Amino acid sequence: MEELFNPNLLTSKLIIITFIEVLILIAILALKKTYKEKLKILIPFDISLNIFGFSLIILFGLVLFTLNYFIYQYSSFTLMIFTAVIISILYIEMGIILSRNFFVKFFDNQLPKEIIYFIGFILMINAGYFTIMFILRIIKANTLI
């Protein structure tokens, strides 16, 4: 796995990976605000779209970038596992929010809640898988373009 990371592009690849994870977090926070739902897995901060909220998101991104960098110094395979864990947690959180709100209305309350949660879980795990495969393609890239 060490040969996948080109040392010249290490910082840019870590920035892109962190940016993807922060975008998923922003999507979760937007869903939370839209559906007026509390976060179930993540720390239940009430992050609104003001300067304080943006500064918390930027702080989260910087901490995540620093963690990614130090974990990469240990092992690039460990970085991939850590990235997969972060993305899985974020997508499971998104699946819970969507299952409680969007999918209930989408299926018009005709399916049992267990089936709706199962559908949301499967869809979000697939989204996480494709995101991880996209990140793996980014990691394998030799150039930025």
N, C-alpha and C. Protein backbone atom coordinates (compact mmCIF):
# COMPACT_ATOMS: atom_id res chain seq x y z
N MET A 1 0.82 -1.19 0.00
CA MET A 1 0.00 0.00 0.00
C MET A 1 0.86 1.26 0.00
N GLU A 2 2.08 1.16 0.47
CA GLU A 2 2.96 2.33 0.52
C GLU A 2 3.23 2.89 -0.87
N GLU A 3 3.30 2.01 -1.88
CA GLU A 3 3.62 2.48 -3.23
C GLU A 3 2.46 3.23 -3.87
N LEU A 4 1.27 3.17 -3.28
CA LEU A 4 0.13 3.88 -3.85
C LEU A 4 0.23 5.39 -3.65
N PHE A 5 0.84 5.81 -2.55
CA PHE A 5 0.96 7.24 -2.26
C PHE A 5 2.23 7.77 -2.89
N ASN A 6 2.09 8.68 -3.85
CA ASN A 6 3.23 9.38 -4.41
C ASN A 6 3.62 10.46 -3.41
N PRO A 7 4.89 10.46 -2.91
CA PRO A 7 5.26 11.44 -1.87
C PRO A 7 5.08 12.89 -2.30
N ASN A 8 5.18 13.17 -3.60
CA ASN A 8 5.00 14.55 -4.06
C ASN A 8 3.55 15.02 -3.94
N LEU A 9 2.63 14.09 -3.99
CA LEU A 9 1.22 14.44 -3.95
C LEU A 9 0.56 14.10 -2.62
N LEU A 10 1.33 13.77 -1.62
CA LEU A 10 0.77 13.31 -0.35
C LEU A 10 -0.15 14.36 0.26
N THR A 11 0.32 15.59 0.35
CA THR A 11 -0.48 16.64 0.99
C THR A 11 -1.77 16.90 0.22
N SER A 12 -1.68 16.97 -1.10
CA SER A 12 -2.88 17.24 -1.89
C SER A 12 -3.88 16.09 -1.80
N LYS A 13 -3.40 14.85 -1.77
CA LYS A 13 -4.32 13.72 -1.63
C LYS A 13 -4.99 13.71 -0.27
N LEU A 14 -4.24 14.03 0.77
CA LEU A 14 -4.83 14.09 2.11
C LEU A 14 -5.84 15.23 2.22
N ILE A 15 -5.56 16.34 1.55
CA ILE A 15 -6.52 17.46 1.55
C ILE A 15 -7.80 17.05 0.84
N ILE A 16 -7.69 16.34 -0.28
CA ILE A 16 -8.88 15.90 -1.02
C ILE A 16 -9.69 14.91 -0.20
N ILE A 17 -9.02 13.96 0.45
CA ILE A 17 -9.71 12.98 1.29
C ILE A 17 -10.44 13.68 2.43
N THR A 18 -9.76 14.61 3.09
CA THR A 18 -10.38 15.35 4.19
C THR A 18 -11.55 16.19 3.69
N PHE A 19 -11.40 16.79 2.51
CA PHE A 19 -12.47 17.61 1.94
C PHE A 19 -13.72 16.76 1.67
N ILE A 20 -13.53 15.55 1.17
CA ILE A 20 -14.67 14.66 0.92
C ILE A 20 -15.38 14.32 2.23
N GLU A 21 -14.61 14.02 3.27
CA GLU A 21 -15.21 13.69 4.56
C GLU A 21 -15.95 14.89 5.15
N VAL A 22 -15.40 16.08 5.00
CA VAL A 22 -16.07 17.28 5.51
C VAL A 22 -17.33 17.57 4.71
N LEU A 23 -17.32 17.33 3.40
CA LEU A 23 -18.53 17.52 2.59
C LEU A 23 -19.65 16.59 3.04
N ILE A 24 -19.30 15.35 3.38
CA ILE A 24 -20.31 14.42 3.88
C ILE A 24 -20.87 14.92 5.21
N LEU A 25 -19.99 15.44 6.07
CA LEU A 25 -20.45 15.99 7.35
C LEU A 25 -21.37 17.19 7.12
N ILE A 26 -21.05 18.05 6.18
CA ILE A 26 -21.90 19.20 5.88
C ILE A 26 -23.26 18.73 5.36
N ALA A 27 -23.28 17.68 4.54
CA ALA A 27 -24.56 17.13 4.06
C ALA A 27 -25.39 16.59 5.22
N ILE A 28 -24.74 15.93 6.18
CA ILE A 28 -25.46 15.42 7.35
C ILE A 28 -26.03 16.57 8.17
N LEU A 29 -25.24 17.61 8.36
CA LEU A 29 -25.72 18.76 9.13
C LEU A 29 -26.87 19.47 8.41
N ALA A 30 -26.83 19.51 7.09
CA ALA A 30 -27.94 20.11 6.33
C ALA A 30 -29.20 19.26 6.47
N LEU A 31 -29.05 17.93 6.43
CA LEU A 31 -30.21 17.05 6.63
C LEU A 31 -30.77 17.21 8.04
N LYS A 32 -29.86 17.31 9.01
CA LYS A 32 -30.28 17.48 10.40
C LYS A 32 -31.08 18.76 10.57
N LYS A 33 -30.61 19.82 9.95
CA LYS A 33 -31.32 21.09 10.05
C LYS A 33 -32.65 21.04 9.30
N THR A 34 -32.68 20.40 8.15
CA THR A 34 -33.90 20.31 7.36
C THR A 34 -34.98 19.52 8.08
N TYR A 35 -34.60 18.38 8.64
CA TYR A 35 -35.58 17.51 9.29
C TYR A 35 -35.70 17.75 10.79
N LYS A 36 -34.96 18.74 11.33
CA LYS A 36 -34.98 19.06 12.76
C LYS A 36 -34.74 17.81 13.60
N GLU A 37 -33.67 17.12 13.26
CA GLU A 37 -33.32 15.84 13.88
C GLU A 37 -32.03 16.01 14.66
N LYS A 38 -31.92 15.33 15.79
CA LYS A 38 -30.66 15.33 16.54
C LYS A 38 -29.77 14.24 15.97
N LEU A 39 -28.47 14.48 16.02
CA LEU A 39 -27.53 13.48 15.55
C LEU A 39 -27.54 12.29 16.50
N LYS A 40 -27.44 11.11 15.96
CA LYS A 40 -27.52 9.90 16.77
C LYS A 40 -26.15 9.34 17.13
N ILE A 41 -25.19 9.42 16.23
CA ILE A 41 -23.88 8.82 16.47
C ILE A 41 -22.85 9.88 16.77
N LEU A 42 -22.87 10.97 16.02
CA LEU A 42 -21.89 12.03 16.20
C LEU A 42 -22.20 12.84 17.46
N ILE A 43 -21.25 13.67 17.85
CA ILE A 43 -21.47 14.55 19.00
C ILE A 43 -22.61 15.50 18.67
N PRO A 44 -23.62 15.57 19.51
CA PRO A 44 -24.83 16.34 19.15
C PRO A 44 -24.66 17.84 19.31
N PHE A 45 -23.82 18.43 18.46
CA PHE A 45 -23.69 19.88 18.42
C PHE A 45 -24.82 20.45 17.58
N ASP A 46 -25.28 21.61 17.96
CA ASP A 46 -26.25 22.32 17.14
C ASP A 46 -25.48 23.33 16.30
N ILE A 47 -24.99 22.87 15.17
CA ILE A 47 -24.17 23.71 14.30
C ILE A 47 -25.08 24.38 13.29
N SER A 48 -25.18 25.68 13.38
CA SER A 48 -26.00 26.43 12.43
C SER A 48 -25.09 27.06 11.38
N LEU A 49 -25.71 27.64 10.38
CA LEU A 49 -24.94 28.23 9.29
C LEU A 49 -24.59 29.68 9.61
N ASN A 50 -23.72 29.85 10.59
CA ASN A 50 -23.20 31.17 10.91
C ASN A 50 -21.69 31.05 11.06
N ILE A 51 -21.04 32.10 11.51
CA ILE A 51 -19.57 32.08 11.60
C ILE A 51 -19.09 31.03 12.59
N PHE A 52 -19.80 30.86 13.70
CA PHE A 52 -19.42 29.84 14.67
C PHE A 52 -19.52 28.44 14.08
N GLY A 53 -20.60 28.18 13.34
CA GLY A 53 -20.77 26.88 12.71
C GLY A 53 -19.70 26.59 11.67
N PHE A 54 -19.40 27.59 10.85
CA PHE A 54 -18.36 27.42 9.84
C PHE A 54 -16.99 27.21 10.49
N SER A 55 -16.74 27.93 11.58
CA SER A 55 -15.45 27.75 12.26
C SER A 55 -15.34 26.36 12.88
N LEU A 56 -16.46 25.81 13.39
CA LEU A 56 -16.42 24.45 13.92
C LEU A 56 -16.18 23.42 12.80
N ILE A 57 -16.79 23.65 11.65
CA ILE A 57 -16.58 22.74 10.52
C ILE A 57 -15.13 22.82 10.04
N ILE A 58 -14.58 24.03 9.96
CA ILE A 58 -13.18 24.18 9.55
C ILE A 58 -12.25 23.55 10.58
N LEU A 59 -12.56 23.72 11.87
CA LEU A 59 -11.76 23.10 12.93
C LEU A 59 -11.82 21.58 12.82
N PHE A 60 -13.02 21.03 12.56
CA PHE A 60 -13.16 19.59 12.37
C PHE A 60 -12.32 19.13 11.18
N GLY A 61 -12.33 19.90 10.09
CA GLY A 61 -11.54 19.55 8.91
C GLY A 61 -10.05 19.57 9.20
N LEU A 62 -9.59 20.57 9.94
CA LEU A 62 -8.16 20.65 10.27
C LEU A 62 -7.73 19.52 11.20
N VAL A 63 -8.57 19.20 12.18
CA VAL A 63 -8.25 18.07 13.07
C VAL A 63 -8.23 16.77 12.28
N LEU A 64 -9.19 16.61 11.37
CA LEU A 64 -9.24 15.39 10.55
C LEU A 64 -8.03 15.31 9.63
N PHE A 65 -7.62 16.43 9.04
CA PHE A 65 -6.43 16.43 8.19
C PHE A 65 -5.19 16.06 8.99
N THR A 66 -5.06 16.63 10.19
CA THR A 66 -3.91 16.31 11.04
C THR A 66 -3.91 14.84 11.43
N LEU A 67 -5.08 14.32 11.79
CA LEU A 67 -5.17 12.89 12.11
C LEU A 67 -4.79 12.03 10.91
N ASN A 68 -5.31 12.40 9.73
CA ASN A 68 -4.97 11.65 8.52
C ASN A 68 -3.46 11.66 8.26
N TYR A 69 -2.84 12.82 8.45
CA TYR A 69 -1.41 12.93 8.20
C TYR A 69 -0.61 12.07 9.19
N PHE A 70 -0.94 12.15 10.47
CA PHE A 70 -0.19 11.36 11.46
C PHE A 70 -0.46 9.87 11.31
N ILE A 71 -1.67 9.50 10.94
CA ILE A 71 -1.95 8.08 10.71
C ILE A 71 -1.20 7.59 9.47
N TYR A 72 -1.09 8.44 8.44
CA TYR A 72 -0.32 8.05 7.26
C TYR A 72 1.15 7.84 7.62
N GLN A 73 1.69 8.65 8.52
CA GLN A 73 3.09 8.48 8.94
C GLN A 73 3.30 7.10 9.56
N TYR A 74 2.25 6.57 10.19
CA TYR A 74 2.34 5.23 10.77
C TYR A 74 2.24 4.18 9.68
N SER A 75 1.19 4.26 8.87
CA SER A 75 0.99 3.28 7.79
C SER A 75 -0.11 3.80 6.86
N SER A 76 0.10 3.63 5.57
CA SER A 76 -0.92 4.07 4.62
C SER A 76 -2.13 3.13 4.64
N PHE A 77 -1.91 1.86 4.95
CA PHE A 77 -3.05 0.94 5.07
C PHE A 77 -3.93 1.32 6.25
N THR A 78 -3.31 1.74 7.35
CA THR A 78 -4.07 2.20 8.51
C THR A 78 -4.88 3.45 8.15
N LEU A 79 -4.32 4.31 7.31
CA LEU A 79 -5.06 5.49 6.86
C LEU A 79 -6.30 5.08 6.08
N MET A 80 -6.18 4.08 5.22
CA MET A 80 -7.35 3.62 4.46
C MET A 80 -8.41 3.05 5.39
N ILE A 81 -7.99 2.28 6.40
CA ILE A 81 -8.95 1.73 7.36
C ILE A 81 -9.62 2.87 8.13
N PHE A 82 -8.84 3.85 8.57
CA PHE A 82 -9.40 4.99 9.31
C PHE A 82 -10.38 5.78 8.44
N THR A 83 -10.03 6.00 7.19
CA THR A 83 -10.92 6.71 6.27
C THR A 83 -12.21 5.93 6.07
N ALA A 84 -12.11 4.62 5.92
CA ALA A 84 -13.31 3.79 5.76
C ALA A 84 -14.20 3.85 7.00
N VAL A 85 -13.58 3.88 8.17
CA VAL A 85 -14.36 3.97 9.41
C VAL A 85 -15.09 5.30 9.50
N ILE A 86 -14.39 6.40 9.22
CA ILE A 86 -15.01 7.73 9.28
C ILE A 86 -16.16 7.82 8.28
N ILE A 87 -15.94 7.36 7.07
CA ILE A 87 -16.99 7.43 6.05
C ILE A 87 -18.17 6.54 6.41
N SER A 88 -17.89 5.36 6.95
CA SER A 88 -18.98 4.46 7.36
C SER A 88 -19.83 5.09 8.46
N ILE A 89 -19.18 5.68 9.46
CA ILE A 89 -19.93 6.33 10.54
C ILE A 89 -20.78 7.48 10.00
N LEU A 90 -20.21 8.28 9.12
CA LEU A 90 -20.96 9.40 8.56
C LEU A 90 -22.15 8.93 7.73
N TYR A 91 -21.95 7.91 6.90
CA TYR A 91 -23.05 7.43 6.07
C TYR A 91 -24.10 6.69 6.88
N ILE A 92 -23.72 6.00 7.95
CA ILE A 92 -24.72 5.37 8.81
C ILE A 92 -25.58 6.44 9.47
N GLU A 93 -24.94 7.51 9.92
CA GLU A 93 -25.69 8.64 10.49
C GLU A 93 -26.66 9.22 9.47
N MET A 94 -26.20 9.38 8.23
CA MET A 94 -27.06 9.90 7.18
C MET A 94 -28.20 8.93 6.90
N GLY A 95 -27.92 7.63 6.93
CA GLY A 95 -28.96 6.63 6.71
C GLY A 95 -30.03 6.66 7.78
N ILE A 96 -29.62 6.88 9.04
CA ILE A 96 -30.59 6.96 10.13
C ILE A 96 -31.50 8.17 9.94
N ILE A 97 -30.91 9.31 9.61
CA ILE A 97 -31.71 10.53 9.42
C ILE A 97 -32.66 10.37 8.24
N LEU A 98 -32.17 9.82 7.13
CA LEU A 98 -33.03 9.64 5.96
C LEU A 98 -34.12 8.59 6.20
N SER A 99 -33.80 7.53 6.95
CA SER A 99 -34.79 6.49 7.21
C SER A 99 -35.93 7.00 8.07
N ARG A 100 -35.62 7.88 9.00
CA ARG A 100 -36.67 8.40 9.89
C ARG A 100 -37.54 9.45 9.22
N ASN A 101 -37.04 10.08 8.20
CA ASN A 101 -37.78 11.21 7.63
C ASN A 101 -38.12 11.01 6.16
N PHE A 102 -37.12 10.96 5.31
CA PHE A 102 -37.37 10.94 3.87
C PHE A 102 -38.02 9.63 3.42
N PHE A 103 -37.46 8.49 3.82
CA PHE A 103 -37.97 7.21 3.33
C PHE A 103 -39.36 6.89 3.87
N VAL A 104 -39.69 7.37 5.06
CA VAL A 104 -41.04 7.16 5.59
C VAL A 104 -42.05 7.87 4.70
N LYS A 105 -41.75 9.09 4.30
CA LYS A 105 -42.66 9.83 3.41
C LYS A 105 -42.61 9.28 1.99
N PHE A 106 -41.44 8.81 1.57
CA PHE A 106 -41.28 8.29 0.22
C PHE A 106 -42.12 7.03 0.01
N PHE A 107 -42.13 6.15 1.02
CA PHE A 107 -42.91 4.92 0.92
C PHE A 107 -44.32 5.08 1.47
N ASP A 108 -44.68 6.30 1.83
CA ASP A 108 -46.05 6.65 2.20
C ASP A 108 -46.55 5.84 3.40
N ASN A 109 -45.68 5.54 4.34
CA ASN A 109 -46.01 4.79 5.57
C ASN A 109 -46.63 3.43 5.29
N GLN A 110 -46.36 2.83 4.15
CA GLN A 110 -46.94 1.54 3.82
C GLN A 110 -46.02 0.38 4.18
N LEU A 111 -44.77 0.65 4.45
CA LEU A 111 -43.83 -0.40 4.84
C LEU A 111 -43.55 -0.32 6.33
N PRO A 112 -43.24 -1.46 6.95
CA PRO A 112 -42.86 -1.41 8.37
C PRO A 112 -41.56 -0.63 8.55
N LYS A 113 -41.39 -0.08 9.75
CA LYS A 113 -40.21 0.74 10.02
C LYS A 113 -38.92 -0.04 9.85
N GLU A 114 -38.94 -1.34 10.18
CA GLU A 114 -37.73 -2.15 10.06
C GLU A 114 -37.27 -2.25 8.61
N ILE A 115 -38.22 -2.41 7.71
CA ILE A 115 -37.89 -2.49 6.28
C ILE A 115 -37.35 -1.14 5.80
N ILE A 116 -37.95 -0.07 6.26
CA ILE A 116 -37.49 1.27 5.86
C ILE A 116 -36.07 1.52 6.36
N TYR A 117 -35.79 1.14 7.62
CA TYR A 117 -34.43 1.29 8.14
C TYR A 117 -33.45 0.42 7.36
N PHE A 118 -33.88 -0.78 6.99
CA PHE A 118 -33.02 -1.68 6.22
C PHE A 118 -32.70 -1.08 4.86
N ILE A 119 -33.69 -0.52 4.20
CA ILE A 119 -33.47 0.10 2.89
C ILE A 119 -32.52 1.29 3.02
N GLY A 120 -32.73 2.13 4.02
CA GLY A 120 -31.83 3.26 4.24
C GLY A 120 -30.41 2.82 4.54
N PHE A 121 -30.28 1.77 5.36
CA PHE A 121 -28.96 1.25 5.70
C PHE A 121 -28.24 0.72 4.46
N ILE A 122 -28.94 -0.06 3.65
CA ILE A 122 -28.33 -0.64 2.44
C ILE A 122 -27.92 0.47 1.46
N LEU A 123 -28.77 1.45 1.26
CA LEU A 123 -28.44 2.54 0.33
C LEU A 123 -27.24 3.34 0.80
N MET A 124 -27.16 3.61 2.09
CA MET A 124 -26.05 4.41 2.59
C MET A 124 -24.75 3.61 2.64
N ILE A 125 -24.82 2.31 2.91
CA ILE A 125 -23.61 1.49 2.86
C ILE A 125 -23.08 1.42 1.43
N ASN A 126 -23.98 1.34 0.45
CA ASN A 126 -23.55 1.37 -0.95
C ASN A 126 -22.92 2.72 -1.29
N ALA A 127 -23.49 3.80 -0.80
CA ALA A 127 -22.89 5.12 -1.04
C ALA A 127 -21.51 5.20 -0.40
N GLY A 128 -21.36 4.65 0.80
CA GLY A 128 -20.06 4.62 1.45
C GLY A 128 -19.05 3.80 0.68
N TYR A 129 -19.49 2.66 0.14
CA TYR A 129 -18.59 1.82 -0.64
C TYR A 129 -18.09 2.57 -1.87
N PHE A 130 -18.99 3.22 -2.59
CA PHE A 130 -18.57 3.94 -3.79
C PHE A 130 -17.69 5.14 -3.44
N THR A 131 -17.93 5.77 -2.31
CA THR A 131 -17.06 6.86 -1.87
C THR A 131 -15.67 6.35 -1.55
N ILE A 132 -15.59 5.22 -0.88
CA ILE A 132 -14.28 4.63 -0.55
C ILE A 132 -13.55 4.21 -1.82
N MET A 133 -14.26 3.67 -2.80
CA MET A 133 -13.62 3.31 -4.07
C MET A 133 -13.13 4.56 -4.81
N PHE A 134 -13.88 5.65 -4.72
CA PHE A 134 -13.45 6.92 -5.31
C PHE A 134 -12.19 7.43 -4.63
N ILE A 135 -12.14 7.33 -3.31
CA ILE A 135 -10.95 7.77 -2.57
C ILE A 135 -9.76 6.88 -2.92
N LEU A 136 -9.99 5.59 -3.10
CA LEU A 136 -8.90 4.70 -3.50
C LEU A 136 -8.36 5.08 -4.87
N ARG A 137 -9.23 5.50 -5.79
CA ARG A 137 -8.78 5.98 -7.10
C ARG A 137 -7.94 7.25 -6.96
N ILE A 138 -8.35 8.12 -6.05
CA ILE A 138 -7.58 9.34 -5.80
C ILE A 138 -6.21 8.98 -5.27
N ILE A 139 -6.16 8.03 -4.36
CA ILE A 139 -4.88 7.63 -3.76
C ILE A 139 -3.95 7.03 -4.80
N LYS A 140 -4.50 6.27 -5.74
CA LYS A 140 -3.67 5.61 -6.75
C LYS A 140 -3.20 6.56 -7.86
N ALA A 141 -3.75 7.75 -7.92
CA ALA A 141 -3.42 8.68 -9.00
C ALA A 141 -1.97 9.14 -8.90
N ASN A 142 -1.33 9.28 -10.06
CA ASN A 142 0.06 9.76 -10.11
C ASN A 142 0.14 11.26 -10.32
N THR A 143 -0.92 11.84 -10.86
CA THR A 143 -0.94 13.29 -11.09
C THR A 143 -2.27 13.84 -10.57
N LEU A 144 -2.33 15.14 -10.43
CA LEU A 144 -3.56 15.76 -9.96
C LEU A 144 -4.61 15.87 -11.04
N ILE A 145 -4.18 15.91 -12.30
CA ILE A 145 -5.15 16.07 -13.40
C ILE A 145 -5.33 14.76 -14.11
